[in-house]
PDB file of all heavy atoms in Angstrom:
ATOM      1  N   GLN A   1     210.660  61.080 379.643  1.00  0.00           N
ATOM      2  CA  GLN A   1     209.596  60.742 380.591  1.00  0.00           C
ATOM      3  C   GLN A   1     208.241  61.251 380.104  1.00  0.00           C
ATOM      4  O   GLN A   1     208.167  62.147 379.277  1.00  0.00           O
ATOM      5  CB  GLN A   1     209.922  61.322 381.966  1.00  0.00           C
ATOM      6  CG  GLN A   1     211.209  60.759 382.554  1.00  0.00           C
ATOM      7  CD  GLN A   1     211.394  61.153 384.003  1.00  0.00           C
ATOM      8  OE1 GLN A   1     210.415  61.394 384.735  1.00  0.00           O
ATOM      9  NE2 GLN A   1     212.641  61.232 384.455  1.00  0.00           N
ATOM     10  N   TYR A   2     207.199  60.601 380.619  1.00  0.00           N
ATOM     11  CA  TYR A   2     205.820  60.932 380.239  1.00  0.00           C
ATOM     12  C   TYR A   2     205.667  60.886 378.715  1.00  0.00           C
ATOM     13  O   TYR A   2     205.008  61.733 378.113  1.00  0.00           O
ATOM     14  CB  TYR A   2     205.418  62.317 380.764  1.00  0.00           C
ATOM     15  CG  TYR A   2     205.622  62.472 382.249  1.00  0.00           C
ATOM     16  CD1 TYR A   2     206.679  63.206 382.754  1.00  0.00           C
ATOM     17  CD2 TYR A   2     204.749  61.851 383.145  1.00  0.00           C
ATOM     18  CE1 TYR A   2     206.879  63.332 384.109  1.00  0.00           C
ATOM     19  CE2 TYR A   2     204.945  61.976 384.513  1.00  0.00           C
ATOM     20  CZ  TYR A   2     206.007  62.719 384.990  1.00  0.00           C
ATOM     21  OH  TYR A   2     206.203  62.848 386.344  1.00  0.00           O
ATOM     22  N   ASP A   3     206.289  59.877 378.121  1.00  0.00           N
ATOM     23  CA  ASP A   3     206.250  59.752 376.665  1.00  0.00           C
ATOM     24  C   ASP A   3     205.089  58.864 376.259  1.00  0.00           C
ATOM     25  O   ASP A   3     204.694  57.959 377.000  1.00  0.00           O
ATOM     26  CB  ASP A   3     207.572  59.172 376.151  1.00  0.00           C
ATOM     27  CG  ASP A   3     207.950  59.720 374.799  1.00  0.00           C
ATOM     28  OD1 ASP A   3     207.109  60.432 374.217  1.00  0.00           O
ATOM     29  OD2 ASP A   3     209.056  59.460 374.320  1.00  0.00           O
ATOM     30  N   MET A   4     204.567  59.089 375.046  1.00  0.00           N
ATOM     31  CA  MET A   4     203.405  58.334 374.588  1.00  0.00           C
ATOM     32  C   MET A   4     203.643  57.742 373.204  1.00  0.00           C
ATOM     33  O   MET A   4     202.715  57.573 372.422  1.00  0.00           O
ATOM     34  CB  MET A   4     202.170  59.238 374.571  1.00  0.00           C
ATOM     35  CG  MET A   4     201.869  59.887 375.913  1.00  0.00           C
ATOM     36  SD  MET A   4     200.419  60.957 375.899  1.00  0.00           S
ATOM     37  CE  MET A   4     199.115  59.760 375.706  1.00  0.00           C
ATOM     38  N   VAL A   5     204.913  57.458 372.890  1.00  0.00           N
ATOM     39  CA  VAL A   5     205.245  56.890 371.588  1.00  0.00           C
ATOM     40  C   VAL A   5     206.057  55.618 371.796  1.00  0.00           C
ATOM     41  O   VAL A   5     206.557  55.345 372.888  1.00  0.00           O
ATOM     42  CB  VAL A   5     206.049  57.892 370.716  1.00  0.00           C
ATOM     43  CG1 VAL A   5     205.227  59.138 370.453  1.00  0.00           C
ATOM     44  CG2 VAL A   5     207.376  58.251 371.392  1.00  0.00           C
ATOM     45  N   ALA A   6     206.187  54.839 370.717  1.00  0.00           N
ATOM     46  CA  ALA A   6     206.931  53.581 370.794  1.00  0.00           C
ATOM     47  C   ALA A   6     208.433  53.847 370.821  1.00  0.00           C
ATOM     48  O   ALA A   6     208.923  54.782 370.198  1.00  0.00           O
ATOM     49  CB  ALA A   6     206.580  52.704 369.585  1.00  0.00           C
ATOM     50  N   HIS A   7     209.153  52.993 371.553  1.00  0.00           N
ATOM     51  CA  HIS A   7     210.599  53.137 371.652  1.00  0.00           C
ATOM     52  C   HIS A   7     211.292  51.790 371.456  1.00  0.00           C
ATOM     53  O   HIS A   7     210.751  50.734 371.792  1.00  0.00           O
ATOM     54  CB  HIS A   7     211.005  53.701 373.009  1.00  0.00           C
ATOM     55  CG  HIS A   7     210.710  55.151 373.174  1.00  0.00           C
ATOM     56  ND1 HIS A   7     211.358  56.127 372.454  1.00  0.00           N
ATOM     57  CD2 HIS A   7     209.816  55.805 373.964  1.00  0.00           C
ATOM     58  CE1 HIS A   7     210.896  57.311 372.798  1.00  0.00           C
ATOM     59  NE2 HIS A   7     209.948  57.145 373.704  1.00  0.00           N
ATOM     60  N   GLY A   8     212.510  51.857 370.917  1.00  0.00           N
ATOM     61  CA  GLY A   8     213.379  50.699 370.832  1.00  0.00           C
ATOM     62  C   GLY A   8     214.559  50.893 371.762  1.00  0.00           C
ATOM     63  O   GLY A   8     214.670  51.906 372.450  1.00  0.00           O
ATOM     64  N   ASN A   9     215.460  49.887 371.766  1.00  0.00           N
ATOM     65  CA  ASN A   9     216.627  49.939 372.640  1.00  0.00           C
ATOM     66  C   ASN A   9     217.869  49.732 371.798  1.00  0.00           C
ATOM     67  O   ASN A   9     218.116  48.629 371.300  1.00  0.00           O
ATOM     68  CB  ASN A   9     216.518  48.870 373.732  1.00  0.00           C
ATOM     69  CG  ASN A   9     217.563  49.054 374.817  1.00  0.00           C
ATOM     70  OD1 ASN A   9     218.691  49.459 374.551  1.00  0.00           O
ATOM     71  ND2 ASN A   9     217.199  48.738 376.049  1.00  0.00           N
ATOM     72  N   ILE A  10     218.671  50.774 371.616  1.00  0.00           N
ATOM     73  CA  ILE A  10     219.847  50.677 370.759  1.00  0.00           C
ATOM     74  C   ILE A  10     220.871  49.721 371.349  1.00  0.00           C
ATOM     75  O   ILE A  10     221.633  49.069 370.602  1.00  0.00           O
ATOM     76  CB  ILE A  10     220.467  52.083 370.544  1.00  0.00           C
ATOM     77  CG1 ILE A  10     221.492  52.046 369.417  1.00  0.00           C
ATOM     78  CG2 ILE A  10     221.057  52.600 371.823  1.00  0.00           C
ATOM     79  CD1 ILE A  10     220.930  51.714 368.068  1.00  0.00           C
ATOM     80  N   THR A  11     220.910  49.575 372.687  1.00  0.00           N
ATOM     81  CA  THR A  11     221.843  48.628 373.308  1.00  0.00           C
ATOM     82  C   THR A  11     221.534  47.205 372.872  1.00  0.00           C
ATOM     83  O   THR A  11     222.445  46.405 372.612  1.00  0.00           O
ATOM     84  CB  THR A  11     221.774  48.740 374.849  1.00  0.00           C
ATOM     85  OG1 THR A  11     222.070  50.076 375.234  1.00  0.00           O
ATOM     86  CG2 THR A  11     222.775  47.801 375.507  1.00  0.00           C
ATOM     87  N   ASN A  12     220.239  46.886 372.786  1.00  0.00           N
ATOM     88  CA  ASN A  12     219.852  45.546 372.329  1.00  0.00           C
ATOM     89  C   ASN A  12     220.302  45.291 370.896  1.00  0.00           C
ATOM     90  O   ASN A  12     220.643  44.159 370.538  1.00  0.00           O
ATOM     91  CB  ASN A  12     218.336  45.375 372.432  1.00  0.00           C
ATOM     92  CG  ASN A  12     217.857  45.293 373.867  1.00  0.00           C
ATOM     93  OD1 ASN A  12     218.650  45.051 374.775  1.00  0.00           O
ATOM     94  ND2 ASN A  12     216.575  45.505 374.086  1.00  0.00           N
ATOM     95  N   ILE A  13     220.306  46.335 370.076  1.00  0.00           N
ATOM     96  CA  ILE A  13     220.751  46.187 368.693  1.00  0.00           C
ATOM     97  C   ILE A  13     222.221  45.790 368.653  1.00  0.00           C
ATOM     98  O   ILE A  13     222.621  44.889 367.916  1.00  0.00           O
ATOM     99  CB  ILE A  13     220.528  47.497 367.908  1.00  0.00           C
ATOM    100  CG1 ILE A  13     219.041  47.863 367.874  1.00  0.00           C
ATOM    101  CG2 ILE A  13     221.080  47.376 366.494  1.00  0.00           C
ATOM    102  CD1 ILE A  13     218.166  46.825 367.233  1.00  0.00           C
ATOM    103  N   TYR A  14     223.038  46.463 369.469  1.00  0.00           N
ATOM    104  CA  TYR A  14     224.464  46.125 369.520  1.00  0.00           C
ATOM    105  C   TYR A  14     224.662  44.691 370.023  1.00  0.00           C
ATOM    106  O   TYR A  14     225.496  43.946 369.502  1.00  0.00           O
ATOM    107  CB  TYR A  14     225.203  47.100 370.438  1.00  0.00           C
ATOM    108  CG  TYR A  14     225.228  48.517 369.925  1.00  0.00           C
ATOM    109  CD1 TYR A  14     225.003  49.599 370.773  1.00  0.00           C
ATOM    110  CD2 TYR A  14     225.468  48.798 368.582  1.00  0.00           C
ATOM    111  CE1 TYR A  14     225.024  50.904 370.308  1.00  0.00           C
ATOM    112  CE2 TYR A  14     225.486  50.103 368.110  1.00  0.00           C
ATOM    113  CZ  TYR A  14     225.263  51.146 368.975  1.00  0.00           C
ATOM    114  OH  TYR A  14     225.272  52.431 368.496  1.00  0.00           O
ATOM    115  N   ILE A  15     223.901  44.318 371.046  1.00  0.00           N
ATOM    116  CA  ILE A  15     224.025  42.971 371.610  1.00  0.00           C
ATOM    117  C   ILE A  15     223.648  41.919 370.578  1.00  0.00           C
ATOM    118  O   ILE A  15     224.343  40.904 370.416  1.00  0.00           O
ATOM    119  CB  ILE A  15     223.147  42.836 372.869  1.00  0.00           C
ATOM    120  CG1 ILE A  15     223.704  43.715 373.993  1.00  0.00           C
ATOM    121  CG2 ILE A  15     223.064  41.380 373.324  1.00  0.00           C
ATOM    122  CD1 ILE A  15     222.824  43.771 375.224  1.00  0.00           C
ATOM    123  N   LEU A  16     222.551  42.159 369.854  1.00  0.00           N
ATOM    124  CA  LEU A  16     222.117  41.189 368.840  1.00  0.00           C
ATOM    125  C   LEU A  16     223.119  41.092 367.704  1.00  0.00           C
ATOM    126  O   LEU A  16     223.313  40.017 367.125  1.00  0.00           O
ATOM    127  CB  LEU A  16     220.734  41.582 368.308  1.00  0.00           C
ATOM    128  CG  LEU A  16     219.576  41.423 369.297  1.00  0.00           C
ATOM    129  CD1 LEU A  16     218.289  41.937 368.687  1.00  0.00           C
ATOM    130  CD2 LEU A  16     219.419  39.968 369.703  1.00  0.00           C
ATOM    131  N   GLY A  17     223.771  42.209 367.355  1.00  0.00           N
ATOM    132  CA  GLY A  17     224.819  42.161 366.338  1.00  0.00           C
ATOM    133  C   GLY A  17     225.975  41.285 366.776  1.00  0.00           C
ATOM    134  O   GLY A  17     226.515  40.490 365.983  1.00  0.00           O
ATOM    135  N   ILE A  18     226.357  41.405 368.053  1.00  0.00           N
ATOM    136  CA  ILE A  18     227.428  40.566 368.590  1.00  0.00           C
ATOM    137  C   ILE A  18     227.003  39.098 368.615  1.00  0.00           C
ATOM    138  O   ILE A  18     227.785  38.203 368.303  1.00  0.00           O
ATOM    139  CB  ILE A  18     227.820  41.052 369.998  1.00  0.00           C
ATOM    140  CG1 ILE A  18     228.445  42.449 369.909  1.00  0.00           C
ATOM    141  CG2 ILE A  18     228.785  40.079 370.668  1.00  0.00           C
ATOM    142  CD1 ILE A  18     228.678  43.097 371.264  1.00  0.00           C
ATOM    143  N   VAL A  19     225.743  38.864 368.977  1.00  0.00           N
ATOM    144  CA  VAL A  19     225.220  37.486 368.998  1.00  0.00           C
ATOM    145  C   VAL A  19     225.284  36.869 367.602  1.00  0.00           C
ATOM    146  O   VAL A  19     225.656  35.700 367.444  1.00  0.00           O
ATOM    147  CB  VAL A  19     223.772  37.469 369.532  1.00  0.00           C
ATOM    148  CG1 VAL A  19     223.110  36.112 369.283  1.00  0.00           C
ATOM    149  CG2 VAL A  19     223.759  37.802 371.019  1.00  0.00           C
ATOM    150  N   ALA A  20     224.926  37.642 366.577  1.00  0.00           N
ATOM    151  CA  ALA A  20     224.961  37.135 365.200  1.00  0.00           C
ATOM    152  C   ALA A  20     226.384  36.730 364.811  1.00  0.00           C
ATOM    153  O   ALA A  20     226.599  35.665 364.211  1.00  0.00           O
ATOM    154  CB  ALA A  20     224.433  38.200 364.238  1.00  0.00           C
ATOM    155  N   LEU A  21     227.359  37.567 365.159  1.00  0.00           N
ATOM    156  CA  LEU A  21     228.756  37.236 364.852  1.00  0.00           C
ATOM    157  C   LEU A  21     229.206  36.006 365.635  1.00  0.00           C
ATOM    158  O   LEU A  21     229.954  35.160 365.112  1.00  0.00           O
ATOM    159  CB  LEU A  21     229.658  38.427 365.181  1.00  0.00           C
ATOM    160  CG  LEU A  21     229.498  39.658 364.285  1.00  0.00           C
ATOM    161  CD1 LEU A  21     230.370  40.807 364.793  1.00  0.00           C
ATOM    162  CD2 LEU A  21     229.861  39.320 362.836  1.00  0.00           C
ATOM    163  N   ALA A  22     228.744  35.889 366.894  1.00  0.00           N
ATOM    164  CA  ALA A  22     229.106  34.726 367.708  1.00  0.00           C
ATOM    165  C   ALA A  22     228.547  33.437 367.112  1.00  0.00           C
ATOM    166  O   ALA A  22     229.221  32.392 367.095  1.00  0.00           O
ATOM    167  CB  ALA A  22     228.601  34.915 369.139  1.00  0.00           C
ATOM    168  N   ILE A  23     227.316  33.505 366.610  1.00  0.00           N
ATOM    169  CA  ILE A  23     226.708  32.316 365.985  1.00  0.00           C
ATOM    170  C   ILE A  23     227.502  31.895 364.760  1.00  0.00           C
ATOM    171  O   ILE A  23     227.763  30.701 364.544  1.00  0.00           O
ATOM    172  CB  ILE A  23     225.238  32.608 365.621  1.00  0.00           C
ATOM    173  CG1 ILE A  23     224.396  32.746 366.890  1.00  0.00           C
ATOM    174  CG2 ILE A  23     224.672  31.513 364.724  1.00  0.00           C
ATOM    175  CD1 ILE A  23     222.984  33.223 366.631  1.00  0.00           C
ATOM    176  N   LEU A  24     227.896  32.873 363.945  1.00  0.00           N
ATOM    177  CA  LEU A  24     228.713  32.561 362.765  1.00  0.00           C
ATOM    178  C   LEU A  24     230.051  31.948 363.169  1.00  0.00           C
ATOM    179  O   LEU A  24     230.538  31.011 362.538  1.00  0.00           O
ATOM    180  CB  LEU A  24     228.959  33.828 361.946  1.00  0.00           C
ATOM    181  CG  LEU A  24     227.931  34.189 360.880  1.00  0.00           C
ATOM    182  CD1 LEU A  24     228.389  35.409 360.110  1.00  0.00           C
ATOM    183  CD2 LEU A  24     227.700  33.035 359.927  1.00  0.00           C
ATOM    184  N   PHE A  25     230.646  32.478 364.226  1.00  0.00           N
ATOM    185  CA  PHE A  25     231.935  31.957 364.684  1.00  0.00           C
ATOM    186  C   PHE A  25     231.796  30.514 365.156  1.00  0.00           C
ATOM    187  O   PHE A  25     232.641  29.662 364.850  1.00  0.00           O
ATOM    188  CB  PHE A  25     232.472  32.827 365.823  1.00  0.00           C
ATOM    189  CG  PHE A  25     233.749  32.294 366.429  1.00  0.00           C
ATOM    190  CD1 PHE A  25     234.960  32.484 365.788  1.00  0.00           C
ATOM    191  CD2 PHE A  25     233.720  31.595 367.634  1.00  0.00           C
ATOM    192  CE1 PHE A  25     236.133  31.985 366.330  1.00  0.00           C
ATOM    193  CE2 PHE A  25     234.884  31.100 368.190  1.00  0.00           C
ATOM    194  CZ  PHE A  25     236.100  31.296 367.532  1.00  0.00           C
ATOM    195  N   ILE A  26     230.732  30.217 365.907  1.00  0.00           N
ATOM    196  CA  ILE A  26     230.514  28.853 366.396  1.00  0.00           C
ATOM    197  C   ILE A  26     230.323  27.885 365.232  1.00  0.00           C
ATOM    198  O   ILE A  26     230.890  26.783 365.210  1.00  0.00           O
ATOM    199  CB  ILE A  26     229.306  28.807 367.349  1.00  0.00           C
ATOM    200  CG1 ILE A  26     229.627  29.587 368.636  1.00  0.00           C
ATOM    201  CG2 ILE A  26     228.913  27.374 367.676  1.00  0.00           C
ATOM    202  CD1 ILE A  26     228.437  29.795 369.539  1.00  0.00           C
ATOM    203  N   ALA A  27     229.492  28.294 364.251  1.00  0.00           N
ATOM    204  CA  ALA A  27     229.281  27.432 363.076  1.00  0.00           C
ATOM    205  C   ALA A  27     230.594  27.220 362.321  1.00  0.00           C
ATOM    206  O   ALA A  27     230.891  26.102 361.864  1.00  0.00           O
ATOM    207  CB  ALA A  27     228.235  28.058 362.163  1.00  0.00           C
ATOM    208  N   SER A  28     231.395  28.276 362.188  1.00  0.00           N
ATOM    209  CA  SER A  28     232.673  28.164 361.495  1.00  0.00           C
ATOM    210  C   SER A  28     233.646  27.294 362.276  1.00  0.00           C
ATOM    211  O   SER A  28     234.387  26.491 361.698  1.00  0.00           O
ATOM    212  CB  SER A  28     233.285  29.561 361.285  1.00  0.00           C
ATOM    213  OG  SER A  28     232.431  30.374 360.511  1.00  0.00           O
ATOM    214  N   PHE A  29     233.646  27.431 363.604  1.00  0.00           N
ATOM    215  CA  PHE A  29     234.539  26.639 364.452  1.00  0.00           C
ATOM    216  C   PHE A  29     234.217  25.147 364.333  1.00  0.00           C
ATOM    217  O   PHE A  29     235.118  24.305 364.240  1.00  0.00           O
ATOM    218  CB  PHE A  29     234.400  27.103 365.902  1.00  0.00           C
ATOM    219  CG  PHE A  29     235.320  26.416 366.861  1.00  0.00           C
ATOM    220  CD1 PHE A  29     236.669  26.736 366.898  1.00  0.00           C
ATOM    221  CD2 PHE A  29     234.839  25.442 367.725  1.00  0.00           C
ATOM    222  CE1 PHE A  29     237.534  26.097 367.778  1.00  0.00           C
ATOM    223  CE2 PHE A  29     235.687  24.796 368.600  1.00  0.00           C
ATOM    224  CZ  PHE A  29     237.040  25.123 368.639  1.00  0.00           C
ATOM    225  N   ASN A  30     232.912  24.831 364.329  1.00  0.00           N
ATOM    226  CA  ASN A  30     232.516  23.424 364.158  1.00  0.00           C
ATOM    227  C   ASN A  30     232.956  22.884 362.803  1.00  0.00           C
ATOM    228  O   ASN A  30     233.399  21.733 362.690  1.00  0.00           O
ATOM    229  CB  ASN A  30     230.999  23.288 364.322  1.00  0.00           C
ATOM    230  CG  ASN A  30     230.547  23.499 365.748  1.00  0.00           C
ATOM    231  OD1 ASN A  30     231.321  23.335 366.680  1.00  0.00           O
ATOM    232  ND2 ASN A  30     229.294  23.893 365.920  1.00  0.00           N
ATOM    233  N   TYR A  31     232.832  23.734 361.789  1.00  0.00           N
ATOM    234  CA  TYR A  31     233.239  23.310 360.440  1.00  0.00           C
ATOM    235  C   TYR A  31     234.745  23.052 360.389  1.00  0.00           C
ATOM    236  O   TYR A  31     235.201  22.079 359.792  1.00  0.00           O
ATOM    237  CB  TYR A  31     232.858  24.384 359.428  1.00  0.00           C
ATOM    238  CG  TYR A  31     233.286  24.063 358.010  1.00  0.00           C
ATOM    239  CD1 TYR A  31     232.546  23.181 357.234  1.00  0.00           C
ATOM    240  CD2 TYR A  31     234.432  24.629 357.461  1.00  0.00           C
ATOM    241  CE1 TYR A  31     232.939  22.872 355.941  1.00  0.00           C
ATOM    242  CE2 TYR A  31     234.830  24.332 356.172  1.00  0.00           C
ATOM    243  CZ  TYR A  31     234.076  23.455 355.414  1.00  0.00           C
ATOM    244  OH  TYR A  31     234.469  23.143 354.137  1.00  0.00           O
ATOM    245  N   VAL A  32     235.512  23.940 361.003  1.00  0.00           N
ATOM    246  CA  VAL A  32     236.971  23.759 361.029  1.00  0.00           C
ATOM    247  C   VAL A  32     237.328  22.455 361.725  1.00  0.00           C
ATOM    248  O   VAL A  32     238.179  21.678 361.251  1.00  0.00           O
ATOM    249  CB  VAL A  32     237.649  24.956 361.724  1.00  0.00           C
ATOM    250  CG1 VAL A  32     239.134  24.666 361.975  1.00  0.00           C
ATOM    251  CG2 VAL A  32     237.510  26.211 360.879  1.00  0.00           C
ATOM    252  N   ASN A  33     236.694  22.159 362.858  1.00  0.00           N
ATOM    253  CA  ASN A  33     236.979  20.915 363.583  1.00  0.00           C
ATOM    254  C   ASN A  33     236.682  19.682 362.742  1.00  0.00           C
ATOM    255  O   ASN A  33     237.473  18.730 362.688  1.00  0.00           O
ATOM    256  CB  ASN A  33     236.167  20.873 364.880  1.00  0.00           C
ATOM    257  CG  ASN A  33     236.758  21.745 365.966  1.00  0.00           C
ATOM    258  OD1 ASN A  33     237.937  22.098 365.908  1.00  0.00           O
ATOM    259  ND2 ASN A  33     235.957  22.106 366.952  1.00  0.00           N
ATOM    260  N   LEU A  34     235.519  19.702 362.082  1.00  0.00           N
ATOM    261  CA  LEU A  34     235.157  18.564 361.237  1.00  0.00           C
ATOM    262  C   LEU A  34     236.092  18.436 360.041  1.00  0.00           C
ATOM    263  O   LEU A  34     236.459  17.325 359.629  1.00  0.00           O
ATOM    264  CB  LEU A  34     233.702  18.709 360.760  1.00  0.00           C
ATOM    265  CG  LEU A  34     232.618  18.388 361.800  1.00  0.00           C
ATOM    266  CD1 LEU A  34     231.249  18.770 361.253  1.00  0.00           C
ATOM    267  CD2 LEU A  34     232.641  16.912 362.168  1.00  0.00           C
ATOM    268  N   SER A  35     236.492  19.555 359.486  1.00  0.00           N
ATOM    269  CA  SER A  35     237.391  19.538 358.333  1.00  0.00           C
ATOM    270  C   SER A  35     238.765  18.983 358.701  1.00  0.00           C
ATOM    271  O   SER A  35     239.375  18.233 357.943  1.00  0.00           O
ATOM    272  CB  SER A  35     237.544  20.946 357.751  1.00  0.00           C
ATOM    273  OG  SER A  35     236.310  21.420 357.280  1.00  0.00           O
TER     274      SER A  35
END
């Protein structure tokens, strides 16, 4: 509290990592279906 510096959110980092894996899975799933 009463902080005067920049901060990030580590929870968002974990969420974005999961999103990246989900995007890869979707692209791979579409490729498997077409194949």
